[in-house]
C-alpha cells in the first residue's frame, strides 16, 4: 500500500473513531481507562503532541474540543457521571499493577 493511501485510511478510521466516541456519550472516560487504558483526554493529548510535531500551534483545550466535539466543560456538565467508589478502586488497582509490572 502506498504511504499516502495508508495515511488517508488511518485518518478516516481516526475520524470515525472520534465520531463514535462523540455519539456515545454514555461511555465514560473511567470506563475507557479501565478497559483500554486510555480515554478521550489521552486522545486529546496525543492529538496535541501530533500537532506540535507537525509545527501546528494547538493547545490541549483546543484538542479536547476536537475530540469531545464541544468544549470540555460543556461535555463534562452534560455527560460526565460521578466516578463510583468501585470504579475508583479498580482504577487504582490497575495503576498499581502497571507500576508493579514495570518494576517501579
Protein backbone atom coordinates (compact mmCIF):
# COMPACT_ATOMS: atom_id res chain seq x y z
CA UNK A 1 0.00 0.00 0.00
CA UNK A 2 1.25 3.47 -0.82
CA UNK A 3 2.15 5.58 2.22
CA UNK A 4 -0.30 8.33 1.15
CA UNK A 5 -3.14 5.79 0.98
CA UNK A 6 -2.21 4.38 4.36
CA UNK A 7 -2.24 7.85 5.94
CA UNK A 8 -5.63 8.62 4.36
CA UNK A 9 -7.09 5.35 5.65
CA UNK A 10 -5.68 5.90 9.12
CA UNK A 11 -7.09 9.43 9.17
CA UNK A 12 -10.51 8.20 8.05
CA UNK A 13 -10.51 5.47 10.71
CA UNK A 14 -9.48 8.00 13.37
CA UNK A 15 -12.25 10.42 12.34
CA UNK A 16 -14.77 7.57 12.53
CA UNK A 17 -13.44 6.54 15.95
CA UNK A 18 -13.69 10.10 17.31
CA UNK A 19 -17.19 10.47 15.85
CA UNK A 20 -18.18 7.20 17.51
CA UNK A 21 -16.95 8.45 20.89
CA UNK A 22 -18.79 11.75 20.38
CA UNK A 23 -22.02 9.88 19.65
CA UNK A 24 -21.63 7.51 22.60
CA UNK A 25 -21.53 9.92 25.49
CA UNK A 26 -22.79 7.16 27.76
CA UNK A 27 -19.28 5.69 27.60
CA UNK A 28 -17.48 7.38 30.43
CA UNK A 29 -13.77 8.14 30.43
CA UNK A 30 -13.27 5.98 33.52
CA UNK A 31 -14.80 3.05 31.63
CA UNK A 32 -12.34 3.58 28.78
CA UNK A 33 -9.45 3.81 31.23
CA UNK A 34 -10.44 0.60 32.97
CA UNK A 35 -10.97 -1.36 29.77
CA UNK A 36 -8.39 0.07 27.40
CA UNK A 37 -6.03 2.22 29.50
CA UNK A 38 -6.84 5.40 27.57
CA UNK A 39 -9.66 7.93 27.41
CA UNK A 40 -10.82 10.95 25.44
CA UNK A 41 -8.33 13.13 27.33
CA UNK A 42 -5.50 10.81 26.30
CA UNK A 43 -6.60 11.16 22.67
CA UNK A 44 -6.56 14.94 23.07
CA UNK A 45 -3.03 14.81 24.49
CA UNK A 46 -1.88 12.63 21.58
CA UNK A 47 -3.63 14.99 19.14
CA UNK A 48 -1.83 17.97 20.69
CA UNK A 49 1.52 16.17 20.51
CA UNK A 50 0.93 15.29 16.84
CA UNK A 51 0.06 18.91 16.04
CA UNK A 52 3.22 20.16 17.73
CA UNK A 53 5.32 17.57 15.86
CA UNK A 54 3.86 18.94 12.62
CA UNK A 55 4.60 22.53 13.61
CA UNK A 56 0.93 23.34 14.16
CA UNK A 57 0.06 25.58 17.09
CA UNK A 58 -2.58 23.86 19.20
CA UNK A 59 -3.14 23.70 22.91
CA UNK A 60 -4.68 20.92 24.96
CA UNK A 61 -8.07 22.64 25.30
CA UNK A 62 -8.33 23.06 21.52
CA UNK A 63 -7.51 19.39 21.07
CA UNK A 64 -10.08 18.36 23.69
CA UNK A 65 -12.72 20.33 21.80
CA UNK A 66 -11.78 18.41 18.64
CA UNK A 67 -12.10 15.08 20.45
CA UNK A 68 -15.20 15.85 22.52
CA UNK A 69 -16.95 17.76 19.72
CA UNK A 70 -17.59 20.67 22.10
CA UNK A 71 -15.74 22.50 24.85
CA UNK A 72 -14.69 20.02 27.54
CA UNK A 73 -16.53 21.88 30.31
CA UNK A 74 -19.76 21.66 28.32
CA UNK A 75 -19.30 17.91 27.72
CA UNK A 76 -18.44 17.35 31.38
CA UNK A 77 -21.52 19.27 32.56
CA UNK A 78 -23.83 17.43 30.15
CA UNK A 79 -22.49 13.89 30.15
CA UNK A 80 -19.88 13.08 32.78
CA UNK A 81 -21.14 10.95 35.63
CA UNK A 82 -19.64 10.76 39.09
CA UNK A 83 -16.99 8.05 39.39
CA UNK A 84 -18.20 5.28 41.70
CA UNK A 85 -16.08 4.01 44.59
CA UNK A 86 -15.84 0.67 42.77
CA UNK A 87 -14.53 2.34 39.60
CA UNK A 88 -12.02 4.35 41.58
CA UNK A 89 -10.78 1.23 43.38
CA UNK A 90 -10.50 -0.67 40.08
CA UNK A 91 -8.57 2.24 38.55
CA UNK A 92 -6.15 2.41 41.49
CA UNK A 93 -5.59 -1.36 41.33
CA UNK A 94 -4.93 -1.15 37.60
CA UNK A 95 -2.40 1.65 38.11
CA UNK A 96 -0.68 -0.32 40.90
CA UNK A 97 -0.50 -3.39 38.66
CA UNK A 98 1.12 -1.31 35.91
CA UNK A 99 3.71 0.01 38.37
CA UNK A 100 4.45 -3.49 39.64
CA UNK A 101 4.77 -4.82 36.09
CA UNK A 102 7.23 -2.05 35.19
CA UNK A 103 9.33 -2.77 38.25
CA UNK A 104 8.77 0.65 39.77
